[in-house]
Amino acid sequence: MKGRNEGWITFANDDQEAKNSMVLLTSLRQTCTSKKIMLILTSKTSSSFWEILVEKFDGVYMLPEMNIDAVDLETRAKIFCWSLIENKKLVFLPNSSVVKQKL
């Protein structure tokens, strides 16, 4: 399927940000995107919410611990995206984004 090795990815540090990511997910799905929609989470996201997210997103990843104290979590998530080599192209969107038309 065209676009399946390309995707949108966002980051959520906790349950509230994960809820924001669900709004982004919904807005992307409404544009009928053919690209995967993925999410990076931290351990601050509750396990019950994690289960819901795994069902909704095309891929959910746990942000690994990194020995980079001077770098904020969102930047760490962006660095982590480089390790997702199964994807030809990823576009990082903040979880506060809402997409109104197909990108």
C-alpha atoms as a PDB file:
ATOM      1  CA  MET A   1       0.000   0.000   0.000  1.00  0.00           C
ATOM      2  CA  LYS A   2       1.333   3.404  -0.963  1.00  0.00           C
ATOM      3  CA  GLY A   3       2.636   5.421   1.966  1.00  0.00           C
ATOM      4  CA  ARG A   4       2.845   2.534   4.432  1.00  0.00           C
ATOM      5  CA  ASN A   5       6.585   2.944   4.907  1.00  0.00           C
ATOM      6  CA  GLU A   6       6.031   6.640   5.527  1.00  0.00           C
ATOM      7  CA  GLY A   7       4.353   8.071   8.552  1.00  0.00           C
ATOM      8  CA  TRP A   8       3.420  10.705  11.051  1.00  0.00           C
ATOM      9  CA  ILE A   9       4.826  10.445  14.538  1.00  0.00           C
ATOM     10  CA  THR A  10       4.203  12.335  17.754  1.00  0.00           C
ATOM     11  CA  PHE A  11       5.308  12.186  21.374  1.00  0.00           C
ATOM     12  CA  ALA A  12       3.418  12.065  24.671  1.00  0.00           C
ATOM     13  CA  ASN A  13       5.065  12.267  28.091  1.00  0.00           C
ATOM     14  CA  ASP A  14       1.977  11.442  30.184  1.00  0.00           C
ATOM     15  CA  ASP A  15      -1.745  10.607  29.999  1.00  0.00           C
ATOM     16  CA  GLN A  16      -2.816  14.191  29.245  1.00  0.00           C
ATOM     17  CA  GLU A  17      -0.393  14.498  26.346  1.00  0.00           C
ATOM     18  CA  ALA A  18      -1.513  11.054  25.157  1.00  0.00           C
ATOM     19  CA  LYS A  19      -5.101  12.368  25.077  1.00  0.00           C
ATOM     20  CA  ASN A  20      -3.868  15.290  22.966  1.00  0.00           C
ATOM     21  CA  SER A  21      -2.211  12.744  20.674  1.00  0.00           C
ATOM     22  CA  MET A  22      -5.573  11.018  20.240  1.00  0.00           C
ATOM     23  CA  VAL A  23      -7.018  14.316  18.968  1.00  0.00           C
ATOM     24  CA  LEU A  24      -4.143  14.550  16.481  1.00  0.00           C
ATOM     25  CA  LEU A  25      -4.724  10.919  15.481  1.00  0.00           C
ATOM     26  CA  THR A  26      -8.416  11.572  14.853  1.00  0.00           C
ATOM     27  CA  SER A  27      -7.704  14.658  12.764  1.00  0.00           C
ATOM     28  CA  LEU A  28      -5.147  12.765  10.643  1.00  0.00           C
ATOM     29  CA  ARG A  29      -7.549   9.829  10.126  1.00  0.00           C
ATOM     30  CA  GLN A  30     -10.271  12.258   9.011  1.00  0.00           C
ATOM     31  CA  THR A  31      -7.988  13.430   6.192  1.00  0.00           C
ATOM     32  CA  CYS A  32      -7.879   9.806   4.917  1.00  0.00           C
ATOM     33  CA  THR A  33      -4.094   9.673   5.121  1.00  0.00           C
ATOM     34  CA  SER A  34      -2.468   6.558   3.707  1.00  0.00           C
ATOM     35  CA  LYS A  35       0.549   7.024   5.989  1.00  0.00           C
ATOM     36  CA  LYS A  36       1.109   5.258   9.309  1.00  0.00           C
ATOM     37  CA  ILE A  37       0.401   7.238  12.473  1.00  0.00           C
ATOM     38  CA  MET A  38       2.747   6.435  15.333  1.00  0.00           C
ATOM     39  CA  LEU A  39       3.301   7.527  18.912  1.00  0.00           C
ATOM     40  CA  ILE A  40       6.275   7.618  21.269  1.00  0.00           C
ATOM     41  CA  LEU A  41       5.442   7.371  24.990  1.00  0.00           C
ATOM     42  CA  THR A  42       7.289   7.527  28.297  1.00  0.00           C
ATOM     43  CA  SER A  43       6.758   5.366  31.375  1.00  0.00           C
ATOM     44  CA  LYS A  44       4.605   8.170  32.850  1.00  0.00           C
ATOM     45  CA  THR A  45       1.727   6.990  30.643  1.00  0.00           C
ATOM     46  CA  SER A  46      -0.578   4.634  32.549  1.00  0.00           C
ATOM     47  CA  SER A  47      -0.740   1.002  31.445  1.00  0.00           C
ATOM     48  CA  SER A  48      -4.514   1.122  30.985  1.00  0.00           C
ATOM     49  CA  PHE A  49      -4.186   4.089  28.644  1.00  0.00           C
ATOM     50  CA  TRP A  50      -1.247   2.414  26.868  1.00  0.00           C
ATOM     51  CA  GLU A  51      -3.548  -0.491  25.905  1.00  0.00           C
ATOM     52  CA  ILE A  52      -6.015   1.911  24.271  1.00  0.00           C
ATOM     53  CA  LEU A  53      -3.248   3.690  22.371  1.00  0.00           C
ATOM     54  CA  VAL A  54      -1.808   0.427  21.020  1.00  0.00           C
ATOM     55  CA  GLU A  55      -5.219  -0.369  19.501  1.00  0.00           C
ATOM     56  CA  LYS A  56      -5.633   3.061  17.893  1.00  0.00           C
ATOM     57  CA  PHE A  57      -2.170   3.936  16.542  1.00  0.00           C
ATOM     58  CA  ASP A  58      -0.293   2.033  13.826  1.00  0.00           C
ATOM     59  CA  GLY A  59       2.765   1.894  16.063  1.00  0.00           C
ATOM     60  CA  VAL A  60       3.448   2.767  19.701  1.00  0.00           C
ATOM     61  CA  TYR A  61       6.994   2.949  21.046  1.00  0.00           C
ATOM     62  CA  MET A  62       8.441   3.410  24.523  1.00  0.00           C
ATOM     63  CA  LEU A  63      11.059   6.151  24.687  1.00  0.00           C
ATOM     64  CA  PRO A  64      14.188   4.447  25.991  1.00  0.00           C
ATOM     65  CA  GLU A  65      16.228   5.970  28.763  1.00  0.00           C
ATOM     66  CA  MET A  66      19.136   7.948  27.389  1.00  0.00           C
ATOM     67  CA  ASN A  67      22.208   9.297  29.126  1.00  0.00           C
ATOM     68  CA  ILE A  68      21.644  12.795  27.792  1.00  0.00           C
ATOM     69  CA  ASP A  69      20.660  14.852  30.837  1.00  0.00           C
ATOM     70  CA  ALA A  70      20.851  18.222  29.112  1.00  0.00           C
ATOM     71  CA  VAL A  71      18.277  17.307  26.443  1.00  0.00           C
ATOM     72  CA  ASP A  72      14.509  17.644  27.012  1.00  0.00           C
ATOM     73  CA  LEU A  73      12.171  14.689  26.442  1.00  0.00           C
ATOM     74  CA  GLU A  74      10.667  15.924  23.179  1.00  0.00           C
ATOM     75  CA  THR A  75      14.143  16.324  21.698  1.00  0.00           C
ATOM     76  CA  ARG A  76      15.010  12.811  22.917  1.00  0.00           C
ATOM     77  CA  ALA A  77      11.872  11.554  21.153  1.00  0.00           C
ATOM     78  CA  LYS A  78      12.975  13.226  17.927  1.00  0.00           C
ATOM     79  CA  ILE A  79      16.409  11.605  18.252  1.00  0.00           C
ATOM     80  CA  PHE A  80      14.693   8.250  18.883  1.00  0.00           C
ATOM     81  CA  CYS A  81      12.825   8.621  15.564  1.00  0.00           C
ATOM     82  CA  TRP A  82      16.129   8.083  13.767  1.00  0.00           C
ATOM     83  CA  SER A  83      16.224   4.524  15.132  1.00  0.00           C
ATOM     84  CA  LEU A  84      12.931   3.620  13.425  1.00  0.00           C
ATOM     85  CA  ILE A  85      14.694   2.532  10.248  1.00  0.00           C
ATOM     86  CA  GLU A  86      11.781   0.490   8.886  1.00  0.00           C
ATOM     87  CA  ASN A  87      10.236   3.798   7.826  1.00  0.00           C
ATOM     88  CA  LYS A  88      11.387   5.575   4.684  1.00  0.00           C
ATOM     89  CA  LYS A  89      10.110   8.948   5.866  1.00  0.00           C
ATOM     90  CA  LEU A  90       8.705  10.189   9.190  1.00  0.00           C
ATOM     91  CA  VAL A  91       7.276  13.604   9.956  1.00  0.00           C
ATOM     92  CA  PHE A  92       7.225  14.606  13.620  1.00  0.00           C
ATOM     93  CA  LEU A  93       4.105  16.520  14.679  1.00  0.00           C
ATOM     94  CA  PRO A  94       3.622  18.086  18.120  1.00  0.00           C
ATOM     95  CA  ASN A  95       0.769  16.398  20.000  1.00  0.00           C
ATOM     96  CA  SER A  96      -0.999  19.756  20.227  1.00  0.00           C
ATOM     97  CA  SER A  97      -1.442  19.802  16.425  1.00  0.00           C
ATOM     98  CA  VAL A  98      -4.753  19.385  14.612  1.00  0.00           C
ATOM     99  CA  VAL A  99      -4.738  18.608  10.893  1.00  0.00           C
ATOM    100  CA  LYS A 100      -7.581  20.116   8.862  1.00  0.00           C
ATOM    101  CA  GLN A 101      -6.707  18.872   5.368  1.00  0.00           C
ATOM    102  CA  LYS A 102      -4.590  16.154   3.816  1.00  0.00           C
ATOM    103  CA  LEU A 103      -0.877  16.949   3.973  1.00  0.00           C
END
